Amino acid sequence: MEKKKPFALRIDARLMEALEKWAADEFRSTNGQIEWIINRALKEAGRLKKDKGEEKTGKPE
């Protein structure tokens, strides 16, 4: 498992409320939702390689 690096984030209260609701709707923690959003954005921008399972199916395994 990859080591996680702690990072402080200052975010607008309105954005945080929307993130918290989205995370709850997806049954994720707020931190997990932020990580998922960043991961998806990096992959879509071609800045992060897709996982092997995603290369074949286009979906996470």
PDB file of N, CA and C in Angstrom:
ATOM      1  N   MET A   1       0.842  -1.185   0.000  1.00  0.00           N
ATOM      2  CA  MET A   1       0.000   0.000   0.000  1.00  0.00           C
ATOM      3  C   MET A   1       0.883   1.242   0.000  1.00  0.00           C
ATOM      4  N   GLU A   2       0.478   2.213  -0.789  1.00  0.00           N
ATOM      5  CA  GLU A   2       1.258   3.438  -0.874  1.00  0.00           C
ATOM      6  C   GLU A   2       1.113   4.260   0.400  1.00  0.00           C
ATOM      7  N   LYS A   3       2.198   4.932   0.753  1.00  0.00           N
ATOM      8  CA  LYS A   3       2.188   5.797   1.925  1.00  0.00           C
ATOM      9  C   LYS A   3       1.421   7.074   1.585  1.00  0.00           C
ATOM     10  N   LYS A   4       0.563   7.501   2.483  1.00  0.00           N
ATOM     11  CA  LYS A   4      -0.214   8.732   2.293  1.00  0.00           C
ATOM     12  C   LYS A   4       0.541   9.889   2.912  1.00  0.00           C
ATOM     13  N   LYS A   5       0.523  11.025   2.245  1.00  0.00           N
ATOM     14  CA  LYS A   5       1.213  12.210   2.727  1.00  0.00           C
ATOM     15  C   LYS A   5       0.175  13.210   3.238  1.00  0.00           C
ATOM     16  N   PRO A   6       0.275  13.614   4.503  1.00  0.00           N
ATOM     17  CA  PRO A   6      -0.686  14.590   5.024  1.00  0.00           C
ATOM     18  C   PRO A   6      -0.516  15.943   4.336  1.00  0.00           C
ATOM     19  N   PHE A   7      -1.631  16.638   4.147  1.00  0.00           N
ATOM     20  CA  PHE A   7      -1.612  17.912   3.443  1.00  0.00           C
ATOM     21  C   PHE A   7      -2.738  18.780   3.980  1.00  0.00           C
ATOM     22  N   ALA A   8      -2.419  19.989   4.419  1.00  0.00           N
ATOM     23  CA  ALA A   8      -3.443  20.922   4.898  1.00  0.00           C
ATOM     24  C   ALA A   8      -4.083  21.613   3.693  1.00  0.00           C
ATOM     25  N   LEU A   9      -5.394  21.746   3.725  1.00  0.00           N
ATOM     26  CA  LEU A   9      -6.117  22.347   2.607  1.00  0.00           C
ATOM     27  C   LEU A   9      -7.062  23.424   3.140  1.00  0.00           C
ATOM     28  N   ARG A  10      -6.922  24.616   2.606  1.00  0.00           N
ATOM     29  CA  ARG A  10      -7.868  25.686   2.929  1.00  0.00           C
ATOM     30  C   ARG A  10      -8.857  25.742   1.765  1.00  0.00           C
ATOM     31  N   ILE A  11     -10.141  25.677   2.093  1.00  0.00           N
ATOM     32  CA  ILE A  11     -11.162  25.615   1.050  1.00  0.00           C
ATOM     33  C   ILE A  11     -12.363  26.462   1.464  1.00  0.00           C
ATOM     34  N   ASP A  12     -12.986  27.072   0.497  1.00  0.00           N
ATOM     35  CA  ASP A  12     -14.168  27.884   0.705  1.00  0.00           C
ATOM     36  C   ASP A  12     -15.258  27.048   1.388  1.00  0.00           C
ATOM     37  N   ALA A  13     -15.945  27.633   2.352  1.00  0.00           N
ATOM     38  CA  ALA A  13     -16.962  26.906   3.122  1.00  0.00           C
ATOM     39  C   ALA A  13     -18.060  26.336   2.221  1.00  0.00           C
ATOM     40  N   ARG A  14     -18.444  27.070   1.196  1.00  0.00           N
ATOM     41  CA  ARG A  14     -19.483  26.605   0.273  1.00  0.00           C
ATOM     42  C   ARG A  14     -19.032  25.357  -0.489  1.00  0.00           C
ATOM     43  N   LEU A  15     -17.769  25.361  -0.924  1.00  0.00           N
ATOM     44  CA  LEU A  15     -17.224  24.196  -1.614  1.00  0.00           C
ATOM     45  C   LEU A  15     -17.140  23.001  -0.671  1.00  0.00           C
ATOM     46  N   MET A  16     -16.745  23.258   0.561  1.00  0.00           N
ATOM     47  CA  MET A  16     -16.627  22.182   1.546  1.00  0.00           C
ATOM     48  C   MET A  16     -17.977  21.537   1.815  1.00  0.00           C
ATOM     49  N   GLU A  17     -19.007  22.346   1.945  1.00  0.00           N
ATOM     50  CA  GLU A  17     -20.357  21.809   2.162  1.00  0.00           C
ATOM     51  C   GLU A  17     -20.781  20.916   0.994  1.00  0.00           C
ATOM     52  N   ALA A  18     -20.518  21.364  -0.224  1.00  0.00           N
ATOM     53  CA  ALA A  18     -20.876  20.577  -1.409  1.00  0.00           C
ATOM     54  C   ALA A  18     -20.079  19.277  -1.442  1.00  0.00           C
ATOM     55  N   LEU A  19     -18.784  19.345  -1.102  1.00  0.00           N
ATOM     56  CA  LEU A  19     -17.945  18.146  -1.054  1.00  0.00           C
ATOM     57  C   LEU A  19     -18.438  17.148  -0.014  1.00  0.00           C
ATOM     58  N   GLU A  20     -18.793  17.649   1.158  1.00  0.00           N
ATOM     59  CA  GLU A  20     -19.278  16.775   2.230  1.00  0.00           C
ATOM     60  C   GLU A  20     -20.569  16.068   1.826  1.00  0.00           C
ATOM     61  N   LYS A  21     -21.469  16.787   1.157  1.00  0.00           N
ATOM     62  CA  LYS A  21     -22.720  16.173   0.710  1.00  0.00           C
ATOM     63  C   LYS A  21     -22.444  15.130  -0.364  1.00  0.00           C
ATOM     64  N   TRP A  22     -21.593  15.469  -1.326  1.00  0.00           N
ATOM     65  CA  TRP A  22     -21.248  14.529  -2.396  1.00  0.00           C
ATOM     66  C   TRP A  22     -20.608  13.283  -1.808  1.00  0.00           C
ATOM     67  N   ALA A  23     -19.694  13.454  -0.883  1.00  0.00           N
ATOM     68  CA  ALA A  23     -19.026  12.313  -0.240  1.00  0.00           C
ATOM     69  C   ALA A  23     -20.051  11.427   0.463  1.00  0.00           C
ATOM     70  N   ALA A  24     -20.965  12.021   1.190  1.00  0.00           N
ATOM     71  CA  ALA A  24     -21.994  11.242   1.891  1.00  0.00           C
ATOM     72  C   ALA A  24     -22.872  10.485   0.897  1.00  0.00           C
ATOM     73  N   ASP A  25     -23.216  11.126  -0.207  1.00  0.00           N
ATOM     74  CA  ASP A  25     -24.027  10.476  -1.247  1.00  0.00           C
ATOM     75  C   ASP A  25     -23.319   9.276  -1.857  1.00  0.00           C
ATOM     76  N   GLU A  26     -21.986   9.325  -1.910  1.00  0.00           N
ATOM     77  CA  GLU A  26     -21.177   8.254  -2.498  1.00  0.00           C
ATOM     78  C   GLU A  26     -20.648   7.278  -1.445  1.00  0.00           C
ATOM     79  N   PHE A  27     -21.063   7.466  -0.184  1.00  0.00           N
ATOM     80  CA  PHE A  27     -20.608   6.621   0.931  1.00  0.00           C
ATOM     81  C   PHE A  27     -19.093   6.645   1.088  1.00  0.00           C
ATOM     82  N   ARG A  28     -18.505   7.837   0.940  1.00  0.00           N
ATOM     83  CA  ARG A  28     -17.067   8.040   1.136  1.00  0.00           C
ATOM     84  C   ARG A  28     -16.870   9.076   2.229  1.00  0.00           C
ATOM     85  N   SER A  29     -15.666   9.087   2.789  1.00  0.00           N
ATOM     86  CA  SER A  29     -15.297  10.184   3.680  1.00  0.00           C
ATOM     87  C   SER A  29     -15.040  11.417   2.812  1.00  0.00           C
ATOM     88  N   THR A  30     -15.058  12.572   3.424  1.00  0.00           N
ATOM     89  CA  THR A  30     -14.759  13.798   2.671  1.00  0.00           C
ATOM     90  C   THR A  30     -13.348  13.722   2.107  1.00  0.00           C
ATOM     91  N   ASN A  31     -12.398  13.250   2.916  1.00  0.00           N
ATOM     92  CA  ASN A  31     -11.022  13.107   2.456  1.00  0.00           C
ATOM     93  C   ASN A  31     -10.948  12.138   1.271  1.00  0.00           C
ATOM     94  N   GLY A  32     -11.637  11.015   1.376  1.00  0.00           N
ATOM     95  CA  GLY A  32     -11.653  10.040   0.290  1.00  0.00           C
ATOM     96  C   GLY A  32     -12.251  10.616  -0.978  1.00  0.00           C
ATOM     97  N   GLN A  33     -13.283  11.445  -0.840  1.00  0.00           N
ATOM     98  CA  GLN A  33     -13.917  12.064  -2.010  1.00  0.00           C
ATOM     99  C   GLN A  33     -12.961  13.033  -2.689  1.00  0.00           C
ATOM    100  N   ILE A  34     -12.258  13.833  -1.898  1.00  0.00           N
ATOM    101  CA  ILE A  34     -11.287  14.777  -2.465  1.00  0.00           C
ATOM    102  C   ILE A  34     -10.196  14.014  -3.198  1.00  0.00           C
ATOM    103  N   GLU A  35      -9.703  12.938  -2.589  1.00  0.00           N
ATOM    104  CA  GLU A  35      -8.662  12.131  -3.223  1.00  0.00           C
ATOM    105  C   GLU A  35      -9.172  11.515  -4.529  1.00  0.00           C
ATOM    106  N   TRP A  36     -10.414  11.028  -4.536  1.00  0.00           N
ATOM    107  CA  TRP A  36     -11.011  10.432  -5.733  1.00  0.00           C
ATOM    108  C   TRP A  36     -11.142  11.474  -6.854  1.00  0.00           C
ATOM    109  N   ILE A  37     -11.589  12.687  -6.508  1.00  0.00           N
ATOM    110  CA  ILE A  37     -11.749  13.760  -7.497  1.00  0.00           C
ATOM    111  C   ILE A  37     -10.398  14.130  -8.110  1.00  0.00           C
ATOM    112  N   ILE A  38      -9.391  14.281  -7.261  1.00  0.00           N
ATOM    113  CA  ILE A  38      -8.057  14.652  -7.756  1.00  0.00           C
ATOM    114  C   ILE A  38      -7.491  13.539  -8.632  1.00  0.00           C
ATOM    115  N   ASN A  39      -7.648  12.291  -8.202  1.00  0.00           N
ATOM    116  CA  ASN A  39      -7.150  11.149  -8.964  1.00  0.00           C
ATOM    117  C   ASN A  39      -7.793  11.116 -10.345  1.00  0.00           C
ATOM    118  N   ARG A  40      -9.110  11.262 -10.396  1.00  0.00           N
ATOM    119  CA  ARG A  40      -9.830  11.238 -11.674  1.00  0.00           C
ATOM    120  C   ARG A  40      -9.383  12.385 -12.582  1.00  0.00           C
ATOM    121  N   ALA A  41      -9.249  13.583 -12.015  1.00  0.00           N
ATOM    122  CA  ALA A  41      -8.834  14.752 -12.805  1.00  0.00           C
ATOM    123  C   ALA A  41      -7.430  14.561 -13.369  1.00  0.00           C
ATOM    124  N   LEU A  42      -6.518  14.025 -12.570  1.00  0.00           N
ATOM    125  CA  LEU A  42      -5.149  13.797 -13.034  1.00  0.00           C
ATOM    126  C   LEU A  42      -5.114  12.774 -14.165  1.00  0.00           C
ATOM    127  N   LYS A  43      -5.896  11.713 -14.052  1.00  0.00           N
ATOM    128  CA  LYS A  43      -5.948  10.703 -15.118  1.00  0.00           C
ATOM    129  C   LYS A  43      -6.536  11.281 -16.394  1.00  0.00           C
ATOM    130  N   GLU A  44      -7.631  12.041 -16.274  1.00  0.00           N
ATOM    131  CA  GLU A  44      -8.263  12.639 -17.448  1.00  0.00           C
ATOM    132  C   GLU A  44      -7.354  13.642 -18.145  1.00  0.00           C
ATOM    133  N   ALA A  45      -6.486  14.307 -17.369  1.00  0.00           N
ATOM    134  CA  ALA A  45      -5.550  15.286 -17.933  1.00  0.00           C
ATOM    135  C   ALA A  45      -4.283  14.623 -18.469  1.00  0.00           C
ATOM    136  N   GLY A  46      -4.180  13.295 -18.303  1.00  0.00           N
ATOM    137  CA  GLY A  46      -2.995  12.593 -18.765  1.00  0.00           C
ATOM    138  C   GLY A  46      -1.784  12.821 -17.884  1.00  0.00           C
ATOM    139  N   ARG A  47      -2.003  13.227 -16.656  1.00  0.00           N
ATOM    140  CA  ARG A  47      -0.908  13.512 -15.731  1.00  0.00           C
ATOM    141  C   ARG A  47      -0.590  12.337 -14.816  1.00  0.00           C
ATOM    142  N   LEU A  48      -1.429  11.298 -14.859  1.00  0.00           N
ATOM    143  CA  LEU A  48      -1.257  10.139 -13.998  1.00  0.00           C
ATOM    144  C   LEU A  48      -1.627   8.911 -14.809  1.00  0.00           C
ATOM    145  N   LYS A  49      -0.780   7.894 -14.757  1.00  0.00           N
ATOM    146  CA  LYS A  49      -1.063   6.672 -15.501  1.00  0.00           C
ATOM    147  C   LYS A  49      -2.280   5.978 -14.921  1.00  0.00           C
ATOM    148  N   LYS A  50      -3.064   5.354 -15.802  1.00  0.00           N
ATOM    149  CA  LYS A  50      -4.203   4.566 -15.358  1.00  0.00           C
ATOM    150  C   LYS A  50      -3.712   3.267 -14.766  1.00  0.00           C
ATOM    151  N   ASP A  51      -4.505   2.717 -13.838  1.00  0.00           N
ATOM    152  CA  ASP A  51      -4.198   1.409 -13.277  1.00  0.00           C
ATOM    153  C   ASP A  51      -4.339   0.363 -14.376  1.00  0.00           C
ATOM    154  N   LYS A  52      -3.657  -0.779 -14.238  1.00  0.00           N
ATOM    155  CA  LYS A  52      -3.704  -1.827 -15.256  1.00  0.00           C
ATOM    156  C   LYS A  52      -5.124  -2.280 -15.556  1.00  0.00           C
ATOM    157  N   GLY A  53      -5.963  -2.462 -14.542  1.00  0.00           N
ATOM    158  CA  GLY A  53      -7.341  -2.879 -14.751  1.00  0.00           C
ATOM    159  C   GLY A  53      -8.154  -1.846 -15.502  1.00  0.00           C
ATOM    160  N   GLU A  54      -7.858  -0.569 -15.304  1.00  0.00           N
ATOM    161  CA  GLU A  54      -8.581   0.503 -15.984  1.00  0.00           C
ATOM    162  C   GLU A  54      -8.198   0.597 -17.450  1.00  0.00           C
ATOM    163  N   GLU A  55      -6.962   0.245 -17.784  1.00  0.00           N
ATOM    164  CA  GLU A  55      -6.527   0.315 -19.174  1.00  0.00           C
ATOM    165  C   GLU A  55      -7.351  -0.621 -20.049  1.00  0.00           C
ATOM    166  N   LYS A  56      -7.711  -1.783 -19.510  1.00  0.00           N
ATOM    167  CA  LYS A  56      -8.477  -2.763 -20.265  1.00  0.00           C
ATOM    168  C   LYS A  56      -9.949  -2.446 -20.307  1.00  0.00           C
ATOM    169  N   THR A  57     -10.523  -2.040 -19.178  1.00  0.00           N
ATOM    170  CA  THR A  57     -11.964  -1.876 -19.086  1.00  0.00           C
ATOM    171  C   THR A  57     -12.431  -0.419 -19.076  1.00  0.00           C
ATOM    172  N   GLY A  58     -11.532   0.480 -18.730  1.00  0.00           N
ATOM    173  CA  GLY A  58     -11.912   1.875 -18.576  1.00  0.00           C
ATOM    174  C   GLY A  58     -12.515   2.172 -17.217  1.00  0.00           C
ATOM    175  N   LYS A  59     -12.636   1.125 -16.374  1.00  0.00           N
ATOM    176  CA  LYS A  59     -13.205   1.276 -15.038  1.00  0.00           C
ATOM    177  C   LYS A  59     -12.210   0.765 -14.009  1.00  0.00           C
ATOM    178  N   PRO A  60     -12.248   1.348 -12.802  1.00  0.00           N
ATOM    179  CA  PRO A  60     -11.380   0.828 -11.743  1.00  0.00           C
ATOM    180  C   PRO A  60     -11.783  -0.592 -11.365  1.00  0.00           C
ATOM    181  N   GLU A  61     -10.817  -1.408 -10.975  1.00  0.00           N
ATOM    182  CA  GLU A  61     -11.120  -2.775 -10.573  1.00  0.00           C
ATOM    183  C   GLU A  61     -11.613  -2.831  -9.161  1.00  0.00           C
TER     184      GLU A  61
END
